[in-house]
């Protein structure tokens, strides 16, 4: 139980950063051993999260994060996993604040990443009900494909985070794929 608690985000019950890093490293090793597979890491951030905290309070921000986590799990297939702290069925993880990661592993084609990313943008950009108030929050996402993945899991997350910041700079509500 202690191990699971230490690997699970208390607010969203999603896996935490430690689990994400392990799973990305494992996926990179697997991809190197078995070429031809398709892998992507999606780094997701809410565009107006600070505005929600300031305008509606931190309890509303927490509600938003829980709803966002629930939507992530509803959109991504179980096979696209990051995994629960005990390697079970969750499909996304919370890094910190309003930062989430989805690991897409075992994709048949690289083009599938774009389809999943757009599905996520569509679902996560729908209005959120925070204590009876409809709140609209855009989503910015950075994507690293296996072909662009260099280094270890930390490097991959850093690259995906940079692509997410580029999506924000371009106005948010979109995703950007890392270009070497």
Protein backbone atom coordinates (compact mmCIF):
# COMPACT_ATOMS: atom_id res chain seq x y z
CA UNK A 1 0.00 0.00 0.00
CA UNK A 2 2.82 2.39 0.84
CA UNK A 3 4.40 1.74 -2.55
CA UNK A 4 1.11 2.47 -4.36
CA UNK A 5 0.53 5.65 -2.36
CA UNK A 6 4.03 6.89 -3.15
CA UNK A 7 3.41 6.33 -6.87
CA UNK A 8 -0.09 7.83 -7.08
CA UNK A 9 -1.15 11.46 -7.28
CA UNK A 10 -3.41 12.05 -4.27
CA UNK A 11 -5.70 14.57 -5.98
CA UNK A 12 -6.44 12.74 -9.23
CA UNK A 13 -5.51 9.15 -8.25
CA UNK A 14 -3.49 8.99 -11.46
CA UNK A 15 0.08 7.70 -11.47
CA UNK A 16 2.71 10.32 -10.65
CA UNK A 17 5.95 11.48 -12.26
CA UNK A 18 8.02 8.52 -10.98
CA UNK A 19 5.70 6.06 -12.72
CA UNK A 20 5.75 8.08 -15.95
CA UNK A 21 9.53 8.15 -16.05
CA UNK A 22 9.75 4.38 -15.47
CA UNK A 23 7.20 3.63 -18.17
CA UNK A 24 8.81 5.94 -20.72
CA UNK A 25 12.24 4.39 -20.05
CA UNK A 26 10.72 0.90 -20.38
CA UNK A 27 8.99 1.87 -23.64
CA UNK A 28 12.22 3.33 -25.05
CA UNK A 29 14.15 0.16 -24.19
CA UNK A 30 11.39 -1.96 -25.74
CA UNK A 31 11.35 0.15 -28.88
CA UNK A 32 15.13 -0.16 -29.25
CA UNK A 33 14.93 -3.94 -28.85
CA UNK A 34 12.03 -4.26 -31.27
CA UNK A 35 12.29 -1.66 -34.07
CA UNK A 36 9.27 -0.76 -36.15
CA UNK A 37 6.91 0.09 -33.31
CA UNK A 38 5.33 3.47 -32.83
CA UNK A 39 5.50 5.34 -29.57
CA UNK A 40 4.55 8.88 -28.53
CA UNK A 41 4.61 10.93 -25.36
CA UNK A 42 1.96 13.65 -25.06
CA UNK A 43 2.59 16.43 -22.53
CA UNK A 44 -0.70 18.17 -21.68
CA UNK A 45 -1.30 21.50 -19.93
CA UNK A 46 -4.46 23.52 -19.23
CA UNK A 47 -4.20 26.97 -20.84
CA UNK A 48 -6.14 28.98 -18.24
CA UNK A 49 -5.61 26.98 -15.06
CA UNK A 50 -4.16 29.90 -13.08
CA UNK A 51 -7.16 32.01 -14.08
CA UNK A 52 -9.47 29.32 -12.63
CA UNK A 53 -7.53 29.32 -9.35
CA UNK A 54 -7.57 33.12 -9.08
CA UNK A 55 -11.17 33.63 -10.21
CA UNK A 56 -12.93 30.60 -8.69
CA UNK A 57 -10.52 29.55 -5.94
CA UNK A 58 -8.17 26.63 -5.40
CA UNK A 59 -11.00 24.19 -4.58
CA UNK A 60 -12.42 24.85 -8.07
CA UNK A 61 -8.93 24.36 -9.53
CA UNK A 62 -8.75 20.98 -7.79
CA UNK A 63 -12.18 20.08 -9.20
CA UNK A 64 -10.95 21.01 -12.67
CA UNK A 65 -7.88 18.81 -12.30
CA UNK A 66 -9.98 15.83 -11.18
CA UNK A 67 -12.38 16.30 -14.11
CA UNK A 68 -9.51 16.69 -16.54
CA UNK A 69 -7.97 13.45 -15.25
CA UNK A 70 -11.29 11.66 -15.62
CA UNK A 71 -11.66 12.86 -19.22
CA UNK A 72 -8.11 11.75 -20.03
CA UNK A 73 -8.94 8.23 -18.89
CA UNK A 74 -12.17 8.31 -20.85
CA UNK A 75 -10.53 9.24 -24.14
CA UNK A 76 -7.33 7.18 -24.27
CA UNK A 77 -7.56 3.45 -24.91
CA UNK A 78 -6.30 1.12 -22.22
CA UNK A 79 -3.65 -0.15 -24.62
CA UNK A 80 -2.19 3.39 -24.92
CA UNK A 81 -1.08 3.11 -21.34
CA UNK A 82 1.05 4.82 -18.84
CA UNK A 83 -0.42 2.49 -16.27
CA UNK A 84 -1.57 2.66 -12.69
CA UNK A 85 1.01 2.75 -9.97
CA UNK A 86 0.67 -1.03 -9.86
CA UNK A 87 0.80 -1.26 -13.70
CA UNK A 88 -2.96 -1.68 -13.99
CA UNK A 89 -5.44 0.05 -16.21
CA UNK A 90 -5.03 3.84 -16.03
CA UNK A 91 -3.88 5.56 -19.21
CA UNK A 92 -2.54 8.92 -18.10
CA UNK A 93 -0.43 10.45 -15.34
CA UNK A 94 -0.21 13.76 -13.53
CA UNK A 95 3.25 15.28 -13.32
CA UNK A 96 2.45 18.32 -11.19
CA UNK A 97 0.07 21.27 -11.11
CA UNK A 98 -1.91 21.16 -14.34
CA UNK A 99 0.63 19.04 -16.24
CA UNK A 100 -0.40 15.59 -17.43
CA UNK A 101 1.29 12.99 -19.64
CA UNK A 102 -0.09 10.24 -21.84
CA UNK A 103 2.17 7.53 -23.21
CA UNK A 104 0.96 6.03 -26.48
CA UNK A 105 2.71 2.69 -26.87
CA UNK A 106 2.09 -0.03 -29.42
CA UNK A 107 0.57 2.21 -32.08
CA UNK A 108 0.27 0.72 -35.55
CA UNK A 109 1.05 3.94 -37.41
CA UNK A 110 2.51 7.32 -36.54
CA UNK A 111 -0.64 8.93 -37.96
CA UNK A 112 -2.59 7.39 -35.06
CA UNK A 113 -0.85 9.84 -32.72
CA UNK A 114 -2.48 12.78 -34.50
CA UNK A 115 -5.90 11.19 -34.23
CA UNK A 116 -5.50 10.56 -30.49
CA UNK A 117 -4.06 14.05 -29.88
CA UNK A 118 -7.02 15.66 -31.64
CA UNK A 119 -9.48 13.47 -29.69
CA UNK A 120 -7.82 14.59 -26.47
CA UNK A 121 -7.94 18.27 -27.48
CA UNK A 122 -11.62 17.97 -28.37
CA UNK A 123 -12.59 16.20 -25.14
CA UNK A 124 -10.44 18.26 -22.77
CA UNK A 125 -11.53 21.59 -24.29
CA UNK A 126 -15.22 21.02 -23.55
CA UNK A 127 -16.65 23.21 -20.74
CA UNK A 128 -16.10 22.07 -17.15
CA UNK A 129 -18.80 22.37 -14.49
CA UNK A 130 -17.22 23.83 -11.37
CA UNK A 131 -19.91 24.16 -8.70
CA UNK A 132 -22.53 25.19 -11.23
CA UNK A 133 -20.25 27.51 -13.23
CA UNK A 134 -19.40 26.55 -16.80
CA UNK A 135 -15.66 27.14 -17.27
CA UNK A 136 -13.86 26.90 -20.59
CA UNK A 137 -10.20 25.90 -20.48
CA UNK A 138 -8.10 25.38 -23.56
CA UNK A 139 -5.49 22.66 -23.74
CA UNK A 140 -1.96 22.90 -25.09
CA UNK A 141 -0.08 19.72 -25.88
CA UNK A 142 3.42 18.78 -26.91
CA UNK A 143 4.10 15.50 -28.69
CA UNK A 144 7.32 13.53 -28.98
CA UNK A 145 7.31 10.64 -31.46
CA UNK A 146 9.66 7.70 -31.11
CA UNK A 147 11.67 8.90 -34.12
CA UNK A 148 12.38 12.20 -32.30
CA UNK A 149 12.92 10.67 -28.84
CA UNK A 150 16.51 11.11 -27.74
CA UNK A 151 18.11 10.33 -24.43
CA UNK A 152 16.27 9.05 -21.40
CA UNK A 153 12.75 9.60 -20.09
CA UNK A 154 13.65 12.98 -18.54
CA UNK A 155 14.92 14.20 -21.92
CA UNK A 156 11.77 12.98 -23.67
CA UNK A 157 9.56 14.77 -21.12
CA UNK A 158 11.66 17.92 -21.46
CA UNK A 159 11.26 17.85 -25.26
CA UNK A 160 7.50 17.24 -24.97
CA UNK A 161 7.25 20.09 -22.46
CA UNK A 162 9.05 22.42 -24.84
CA UNK A 163 6.67 21.46 -27.66
CA UNK A 164 3.73 22.15 -25.30
CA UNK A 165 5.13 25.62 -24.54
CA UNK A 166 5.39 26.22 -28.31
CA UNK A 167 1.71 25.28 -28.62
CA UNK A 168 0.90 27.83 -25.87
CA UNK A 169 2.97 30.52 -27.62
CA UNK A 170 1.03 29.85 -30.81
CA UNK A 171 -2.20 30.73 -28.98
CA UNK A 172 -3.00 27.49 -27.14
CA UNK A 173 -5.82 25.08 -27.87
CA UNK A 174 -3.55 23.01 -30.09
CA UNK A 175 -0.73 20.48 -30.16
CA UNK A 176 2.77 20.72 -31.53
CA UNK A 177 4.98 17.79 -32.52
CA UNK A 178 8.70 17.99 -31.69
CA UNK A 179 10.77 18.71 -34.77
CA UNK A 180 14.42 17.63 -34.56
